[in-house]
Protein backbone atom coordinates (compact mmCIF):
# COMPACT_ATOMS: atom_id res chain seq x y z
CA MET A 1 0.00 0.00 0.00
CA SER A 2 1.35 3.43 -0.94
CA ALA A 3 2.31 5.65 1.99
CA ASP A 4 -0.20 8.21 0.69
CA ALA A 5 -3.05 5.77 0.06
CA PRO A 6 -5.81 5.40 2.66
CA ALA A 7 -6.13 2.08 4.45
CA PRO A 8 -8.89 -0.18 3.09
CA THR A 9 -10.77 0.40 6.35
CA GLY A 10 -10.22 4.17 6.35
CA GLU A 11 -9.12 6.13 9.40
CA GLN A 12 -7.44 4.10 12.14
CA TRP A 13 -8.24 5.32 15.65
CA HIS A 14 -5.61 4.05 18.08
CA LEU A 15 -5.95 3.82 21.85
CA THR A 16 -3.17 2.88 24.26
CA ALA A 17 -4.06 2.61 27.94
CA GLY A 18 -1.80 0.73 30.33
CA ALA A 19 -1.40 -2.83 29.06
CA ASP A 20 -4.05 -2.39 26.36
CA GLU A 21 -3.73 -1.31 22.75
CA LEU A 22 -6.67 -1.29 20.38
CA VAL A 23 -7.56 0.05 16.96
CA VAL A 24 -11.06 1.00 15.81
CA VAL A 25 -11.61 1.67 12.11
CA GLU A 26 -13.68 4.15 10.13
CA VAL A 27 -15.20 1.52 7.83
CA GLY A 28 -17.90 -0.19 9.87
CA GLY A 29 -16.81 1.34 13.17
CA GLY A 30 -15.38 -2.06 14.07
CA LEU A 31 -12.55 -3.22 16.29
CA ARG A 32 -9.56 -4.16 14.11
CA THR A 33 -7.16 -5.27 16.85
CA TRP A 34 -6.90 -5.53 20.63
CA THR A 35 -3.78 -6.63 22.47
CA ARG A 36 -3.09 -6.89 26.19
CA ASP A 37 0.51 -7.04 27.38
CA GLY A 38 1.49 -7.45 23.74
CA VAL A 39 -0.65 -10.59 23.25
CA HIS A 40 -3.42 -10.58 20.65
CA VAL A 41 -6.70 -11.20 22.44
CA LEU A 42 -8.64 -10.89 19.18
CA ALA A 43 -7.92 -12.43 15.80
CA GLY A 44 -7.91 -9.21 13.84
CA TYR A 45 -6.25 -8.06 10.63
CA VAL A 46 -3.46 -5.76 9.51
CA GLU A 47 -3.91 -2.13 8.53
CA ASP A 48 -3.36 -2.63 4.81
CA ALA A 49 -5.96 -5.42 4.58
CA THR A 50 -9.70 -5.37 4.00
CA CYS A 51 -11.75 -6.79 6.84
CA THR A 52 -12.64 -10.43 6.16
CA SER A 53 -15.16 -12.80 7.75
CA GLY A 54 -16.80 -9.99 9.72
CA ARG A 55 -13.79 -9.60 12.02
CA GLY A 56 -14.71 -7.11 14.73
CA GLN A 57 -17.63 -5.69 12.77
CA GLN A 58 -20.96 -4.33 14.05
CA LEU A 59 -24.11 -5.96 12.71
CA ILE A 60 -26.88 -3.35 12.47
CA PRO A 61 -29.89 -3.31 11.94
CA TRP A 62 -29.87 -7.11 12.03
CA PRO A 63 -27.31 -9.80 12.85
CA ASN A 64 -26.81 -12.96 10.84
CA ARG A 65 -29.09 -13.63 7.85
CA ILE A 66 -32.42 -12.78 6.22
CA ARG A 67 -33.62 -15.44 3.80
CA ASP A 68 -33.75 -14.14 0.22
CA GLY A 69 -33.22 -10.64 1.67
CA ARG A 70 -37.01 -10.40 1.80
CA TYR A 71 -39.25 -9.52 4.74
CA SER A 72 -42.48 -7.69 5.60
CA HIS A 73 -42.94 -4.96 8.18
CA ALA A 74 -46.12 -3.02 8.93
CA GLY A 75 -47.80 -4.79 6.02
CA VAL A 76 -45.18 -3.74 3.44
CA GLN A 77 -42.97 -6.28 1.65
CA ARG A 78 -39.34 -5.21 1.31
CA GLN A 79 -36.38 -6.56 -0.65
CA LEU A 80 -32.79 -6.06 0.50
CA PRO A 81 -29.69 -6.56 -1.65
CA LEU A 82 -28.29 -10.10 -1.37
CA THR A 83 -24.89 -9.78 0.28
CA GLU A 84 -24.34 -13.50 0.87
CA VAL A 85 -24.70 -14.55 -2.73
CA GLU A 86 -23.75 -18.20 -2.26
CA HIS A 87 -26.72 -18.73 0.05
CA GLY A 88 -29.08 -16.11 -1.37
CA ASN A 89 -29.30 -14.13 1.88
CA ALA A 90 -28.94 -10.58 3.12
CA SER A 91 -26.23 -10.89 5.73
CA HIS A 92 -25.14 -8.96 8.84
CA GLY A 93 -26.92 -5.66 8.36
CA LEU A 94 -26.18 -2.43 6.51
CA VAL A 95 -23.43 -0.58 8.39
CA ARG A 96 -20.32 -2.75 8.31
CA TRP A 97 -19.00 -1.22 5.07
CA ALA A 98 -20.28 2.29 5.77
CA PRO A 99 -18.09 5.15 7.08
CA TRP A 100 -18.32 5.95 10.77
CA ARG A 101 -17.05 9.06 12.57
CA LEU A 102 -15.04 9.54 15.73
CA VAL A 103 -17.39 11.05 18.33
CA GLU A 104 -15.24 11.12 21.46
CA ARG A 105 -11.83 10.04 22.68
CA THR A 106 -10.78 9.71 26.33
CA ASP A 107 -7.70 8.23 27.98
CA THR A 108 -9.41 4.83 28.14
CA SER A 109 -12.12 4.82 25.46
CA LEU A 110 -13.07 5.54 21.86
CA THR A 111 -16.63 6.36 20.81
CA VAL A 112 -17.67 6.15 17.16
CA GLY A 113 -20.98 7.03 15.51
CA HIS A 114 -23.04 6.44 12.39
CA ARG A 115 -26.41 7.49 10.97
CA LEU A 116 -28.20 4.88 8.90
CA PHE A 117 -30.41 6.39 6.20
CA PRO A 118 -33.20 4.81 4.13
CA GLN A 119 -32.00 2.73 1.18
CA PRO A 120 -33.26 -0.19 -0.94
CA GLY A 121 -35.13 -2.55 1.38
CA TRP A 122 -34.74 -0.31 4.44
CA ASP A 123 -36.96 2.73 5.12
CA TRP A 124 -35.83 4.09 8.52
CA HIS A 125 -33.32 6.43 10.18
CA LEU A 126 -31.16 5.09 13.03
CA GLU A 127 -28.45 6.97 14.92
CA THR A 128 -25.81 4.74 16.55
CA THR A 129 -22.90 5.33 18.89
CA THR A 130 -20.55 2.60 20.12
CA THR A 131 -18.02 3.05 22.91
CA TYR A 132 -14.99 0.77 23.26
CA ALA A 133 -13.57 1.15 26.77
CA VAL A 134 -10.65 -0.64 28.43
CA SER A 135 -9.92 -1.14 32.13
CA PRO A 136 -8.05 -3.71 34.22
CA ASP A 137 -11.21 -5.84 33.96
CA GLY A 138 -10.95 -5.98 30.16
CA LEU A 139 -12.83 -4.51 27.21
CA THR A 140 -16.38 -3.18 27.50
CA VAL A 141 -18.44 -2.31 24.42
CA THR A 142 -21.62 -0.25 24.76
CA THR A 143 -23.85 0.50 21.79
CA ARG A 144 -26.79 2.91 21.74
CA VAL A 145 -29.19 2.98 18.80
CA THR A 146 -31.90 5.64 18.51
CA ASN A 147 -34.73 5.78 16.00
CA VAL A 148 -34.47 9.37 14.80
CA GLY A 149 -37.07 8.93 12.05
CA GLY A 150 -40.81 9.25 12.01
CA ARG A 151 -41.88 5.58 11.99
CA ALA A 152 -41.31 2.52 14.16
CA ALA A 153 -38.40 0.42 12.86
CA PRO A 154 -37.63 -3.31 13.08
CA PHE A 155 -34.26 -3.79 14.71
CA GLY A 156 -31.59 -6.25 15.74
CA TYR A 157 -27.95 -5.94 16.74
CA GLY A 158 -24.94 -8.20 16.81
CA ALA A 159 -21.18 -7.96 17.20
CA HIS A 160 -18.57 -10.19 15.57
CA PRO A 161 -15.33 -10.45 17.57
CA TYR A 162 -12.99 -13.41 17.04
CA VAL A 163 -11.02 -14.74 20.01
CA ALA A 164 -7.45 -15.42 18.87
CA ILE A 165 -6.21 -19.03 19.19
CA GLY A 166 -2.78 -18.69 17.58
CA ASP A 167 -1.55 -21.84 15.84
CA VAL A 168 -3.40 -24.28 18.08
CA PRO A 169 -5.50 -26.79 16.07
CA VAL A 170 -9.16 -25.87 16.35
CA GLY A 171 -10.04 -29.30 17.71
CA ASP A 172 -7.83 -28.66 20.74
CA VAL A 173 -9.56 -25.41 21.65
CA GLU A 174 -11.80 -25.68 24.71
CA VAL A 175 -15.13 -23.86 24.71
CA ARG A 176 -17.85 -23.29 27.26
CA VAL A 177 -21.26 -22.02 26.09
CA PRO A 178 -23.91 -21.69 28.83
CA GLY A 179 -26.87 -22.17 26.47
CA ASP A 180 -29.62 -24.72 27.10
CA THR A 181 -31.01 -24.42 23.56
CA TRP A 182 -29.35 -24.48 20.13
CA VAL A 183 -30.70 -23.51 16.70
CA GLU A 184 -30.74 -26.00 13.84
CA VAL A 185 -30.25 -24.44 10.39
CA ASP A 186 -30.66 -25.57 6.80
CA ASP A 187 -28.05 -25.54 4.05
CA ARG A 188 -28.62 -21.78 3.65
CA LEU A 189 -27.94 -21.24 7.37
CA ILE A 190 -31.56 -20.27 8.05
CA PRO A 191 -33.22 -21.70 11.20
CA VAL A 192 -35.49 -24.71 10.87
CA GLY A 193 -35.96 -25.40 14.59
CA THR A 194 -34.62 -25.16 18.12
CA HIS A 195 -33.58 -28.04 20.37
CA PRO A 196 -32.35 -28.65 23.91
CA VAL A 197 -28.59 -29.15 23.99
CA GLU A 198 -28.95 -31.96 26.52
CA GLY A 199 -27.56 -35.18 25.06
CA THR A 200 -26.35 -33.58 21.80
CA ALA A 201 -22.99 -32.65 20.30
CA TYR A 202 -23.96 -29.00 20.81
CA ASP A 203 -23.85 -29.23 24.61
CA PHE A 204 -20.92 -27.09 25.77
CA ARG A 205 -22.34 -26.10 29.15
CA GLN A 206 -19.25 -27.67 30.67
CA ARG A 207 -15.96 -26.52 29.15
CA ARG A 208 -14.62 -29.10 26.71
CA ARG A 209 -12.59 -29.53 23.52
CA LEU A 210 -14.25 -28.75 20.23
CA GLY A 211 -12.78 -31.94 18.79
CA THR A 212 -14.47 -32.67 15.45
CA GLN A 213 -17.51 -30.53 16.24
CA ARG A 214 -17.77 -27.53 13.93
CA LEU A 215 -19.88 -24.71 15.30
CA ASP A 216 -21.74 -22.04 13.40
CA THR A 217 -24.49 -22.16 15.94
CA ALA A 218 -26.83 -19.79 17.75
CA TYR A 219 -27.61 -20.50 21.40
CA THR A 220 -30.30 -19.15 23.69
CA ASP A 221 -31.66 -19.82 27.18
CA LEU A 222 -28.26 -18.68 28.36
CA ALA A 223 -27.41 -19.07 32.03
CA ALA A 224 -26.70 -15.56 33.28
CA PRO A 225 -25.61 -15.26 36.91
CA GLU A 226 -25.90 -11.64 38.01
CA GLY A 227 -27.49 -10.77 34.67
CA ARG A 228 -24.58 -11.70 32.40
CA TRP A 229 -23.83 -14.80 30.38
CA THR A 230 -20.23 -15.80 29.64
CA VAL A 231 -18.78 -17.83 26.77
CA THR A 232 -15.24 -19.08 27.43
CA VAL A 233 -12.54 -19.86 24.86
CA ALA A 234 -9.43 -21.57 26.27
CA THR A 235 -6.32 -22.35 24.22
CA ALA A 236 -3.13 -24.01 25.49
CA GLY A 237 -0.31 -21.51 25.94
CA ARG A 238 -2.62 -18.51 25.77
CA PRO A 239 -4.74 -16.58 28.28
CA VAL A 240 -8.28 -17.82 28.90
CA VAL A 241 -10.75 -15.42 27.28
CA ASP A 242 -14.32 -14.82 28.46
CA VAL A 243 -16.80 -13.07 26.17
CA TRP A 244 -19.81 -11.83 28.12
CA GLY A 245 -23.08 -10.12 27.36
CA ASP A 246 -25.84 -8.45 29.34
CA ALA A 247 -28.58 -11.05 29.19
CA ASP A 248 -31.46 -8.58 28.98
CA ALA A 249 -29.98 -7.00 25.85
CA PHE A 250 -28.51 -10.16 24.34
CA PRO A 251 -30.62 -13.29 24.82
CA TRP A 252 -28.67 -14.97 22.01
CA ALA A 253 -25.03 -15.82 21.31
CA GLN A 254 -23.56 -17.32 18.15
CA VAL A 255 -20.35 -19.36 18.23
CA PHE A 256 -18.47 -19.86 14.96
CA SER A 257 -15.35 -22.02 14.67
CA GLY A 258 -15.08 -22.05 10.87
CA LYS A 259 -12.28 -19.45 10.70
CA ALA A 260 -10.18 -21.36 13.23
CA GLU A 261 -9.36 -24.13 10.78
CA ALA A 262 -5.83 -24.58 9.50
CA ASP A 263 -6.71 -23.96 5.84
CA GLN A 264 -8.33 -20.59 6.53
CA SER A 265 -6.46 -17.42 5.63
CA GLY A 266 -5.90 -14.72 8.22
CA GLU A 267 -5.33 -15.03 11.94
CA HIS A 268 -7.17 -17.99 13.39
CA GLY A 269 -9.95 -17.39 15.89
CA VAL A 270 -13.28 -18.53 17.29
CA ALA A 271 -16.05 -15.97 16.88
CA VAL A 272 -18.36 -15.34 19.82
CA GLU A 273 -21.20 -13.07 18.72
CA PRO A 274 -23.58 -11.37 21.19
CA MET A 275 -26.95 -11.01 19.42
CA THR A 276 -30.36 -9.57 20.20
CA CYS A 277 -32.08 -12.11 17.95
CA PRO A 278 -31.40 -15.28 15.96
CA PRO A 279 -30.95 -15.57 12.17
CA ASP A 280 -33.93 -14.54 10.01
CA ALA A 281 -35.68 -12.75 12.88
CA PHE A 282 -37.07 -10.18 10.43
CA ASN A 283 -39.24 -13.01 9.13
CA SER A 284 -39.78 -15.22 12.18
CA GLY A 285 -40.24 -12.33 14.60
CA ASP A 286 -38.25 -14.32 17.17
CA SER A 287 -36.77 -11.77 19.64
CA LEU A 288 -37.16 -9.06 16.98
CA LEU A 289 -37.13 -5.58 18.49
CA VAL A 290 -39.21 -2.65 17.28
CA LEU A 291 -37.80 0.81 17.94
CA GLU A 292 -40.52 3.42 18.22
CA THR A 293 -39.82 6.97 17.09
CA GLY A 294 -37.39 8.56 19.53
CA ALA A 295 -36.72 5.29 21.38
CA THR A 296 -33.18 4.16 22.21
CA TRP A 297 -31.88 0.63 22.58
CA THR A 298 -28.72 0.12 24.65
CA GLY A 299 -26.65 -3.04 24.89
CA THR A 300 -23.35 -3.84 26.61
CA TRP A 301 -21.02 -6.75 26.09
CA GLY A 302 -17.35 -7.27 26.73
CA ILE A 303 -14.27 -9.45 26.94
CA SER A 304 -12.09 -10.32 29.91
CA VAL A 305 -8.74 -12.10 29.99
CA ARG A 306 -7.42 -14.37 32.72
């Protein structure tokens, strides 16, 4: 990349605070890297690369997928562009390739913002700010989304961090997911049913090796002591990483191990995605939120290292 050329993800907003260094990017307002004591907590990407596989991106106004990009709201059928062409879906919202702005910088936090305008398949105005804050306890991410338009809007949110696993084979990674229920999907990754995890290969309520189990799986009925659920990723020779979410805001969590496999390009990691709703919620209505005019949704999730 030429010294004068912009990075593929635009402006790079750096924050150094004690043992923590992180970079938030203009394109998508996502978290490109986070290190603690020089160790990569997240599987990110380098400055001269385009973001791949949703690494660190924000998923607004829906996480995951909408079948055929088609849904109805308030009696009107809408058609979104298909951004997951191989499966014929609209994937991961509308803001992850849009420019964001730096709203505020403190000694320990960066806040970025974006206004989502009407466009094909989407008829509403949403104003979003996301704050990335570090402390000795880890990283805390707080997002606020306000409907600044004149009509009630369907809404969902997700985040897409990848926990770094280094060169450890994915089968040796240990995972704990405190979900009692998992979502079965079809070959287009659209839900076809939910099932108890009890007695299935999807039961990770006790920490165990992934082994041959590949996860691209949404979980709900998450155990949440003191109002927070925690998904743990443990890799030999690396710190144990806990991804947590406020259960009231995030009744769902997706775990994705597909980018941890040896033949995948980029830094290897296991994605743990806090979500307000499961895939295709714009059609199923499952956990779908509706933001009334002037209403604000707030959600907080984070990552700790031990």
